[in-house]
Amino acid sequence: MSKKTEIPKRLEVATWYLINVWPNVSGKEDELEWLVTHLQEPAFKAIEGMYDEQMNNLEADGFFK
């Protein structure tokens, strides 16, 4: 029996951000500065909200079925 490896939500959110948001950011230097400045909880919470909203939208659209 294999045990499912749990990916920490922070890593899921960071990966999602890099794939879905970062390529569309025009002011990358400003964005990077914001991320570094708020690297602790504030940045994670802001990004987590976008991630959760997107995942809820995908689930509502039947993406995970």
Protein backbone atom coordinates (compact mmCIF):
# COMPACT_ATOMS: atom_id res chain seq x y z
CA MET A 1 0.00 0.00 0.00
CA SER A 2 1.48 3.37 -0.98
CA LYS A 3 1.07 6.43 1.15
CA LYS A 4 0.07 9.61 -0.67
CA THR A 5 2.67 12.30 -0.27
CA GLU A 6 1.11 15.48 1.03
CA ILE A 7 2.35 18.69 -0.55
CA PRO A 8 2.25 21.60 1.87
CA LYS A 9 -0.33 24.18 0.80
CA ARG A 10 2.36 26.88 0.75
CA LEU A 11 4.22 24.93 -1.92
CA GLU A 12 1.02 24.35 -3.90
CA VAL A 13 0.20 28.05 -3.75
CA ALA A 14 3.73 29.12 -4.69
CA THR A 15 3.80 26.72 -7.63
CA TRP A 16 0.40 27.89 -8.82
CA TYR A 17 1.52 31.51 -8.55
CA LEU A 18 4.69 30.93 -10.57
CA ILE A 19 2.81 29.09 -13.32
CA ASN A 20 -0.38 31.15 -13.53
CA VAL A 21 0.40 34.65 -12.29
CA TRP A 22 4.10 35.39 -12.69
CA PRO A 23 4.19 35.08 -16.52
CA ASN A 24 1.39 37.69 -16.73
CA VAL A 25 3.01 40.26 -14.42
CA SER A 26 4.29 43.24 -16.38
CA GLY A 27 6.23 44.95 -13.55
CA LYS A 28 8.24 41.92 -12.42
CA GLU A 29 10.72 44.00 -10.39
CA ASP A 30 7.90 45.63 -8.42
CA GLU A 31 6.17 42.27 -7.97
CA LEU A 32 9.36 40.64 -6.75
CA GLU A 33 10.00 43.51 -4.36
CA TRP A 34 6.48 43.12 -2.97
CA LEU A 35 6.94 39.37 -2.53
CA VAL A 36 10.28 39.76 -0.76
CA THR A 37 8.96 42.56 1.46
CA HIS A 38 5.89 40.56 2.41
CA LEU A 39 7.38 37.08 2.23
CA GLN A 40 5.91 36.09 5.57
CA GLU A 41 2.19 35.72 6.21
CA PRO A 42 0.80 38.79 4.36
CA ALA A 43 2.09 37.69 0.94
CA PHE A 44 1.08 34.08 1.45
CA LYS A 45 -2.41 35.06 2.59
CA ALA A 46 -2.90 37.35 -0.43
CA ILE A 47 -1.73 34.71 -2.88
CA GLU A 48 -3.59 31.95 -1.03
CA GLY A 49 -6.84 33.85 -1.58
CA MET A 50 -6.27 33.98 -5.36
CA TYR A 51 -5.31 30.29 -5.38
CA ASP A 52 -8.36 29.23 -3.39
CA GLU A 53 -10.65 31.26 -5.65
CA GLN A 54 -9.16 29.72 -8.79
CA MET A 55 -9.38 26.18 -7.38
CA ASN A 56 -13.02 26.77 -6.38
CA ASN A 57 -13.81 28.06 -9.87
CA LEU A 58 -12.15 25.04 -11.49
CA GLU A 59 -14.00 22.66 -9.17
CA ALA A 60 -17.32 24.39 -9.93
CA ASP A 61 -16.59 24.02 -13.66
CA GLY A 62 -16.04 20.26 -13.19
CA PHE A 63 -12.31 20.42 -13.96
CA PHE A 64 -11.39 17.79 -11.36
CA LYS A 65 -13.96 15.17 -12.40
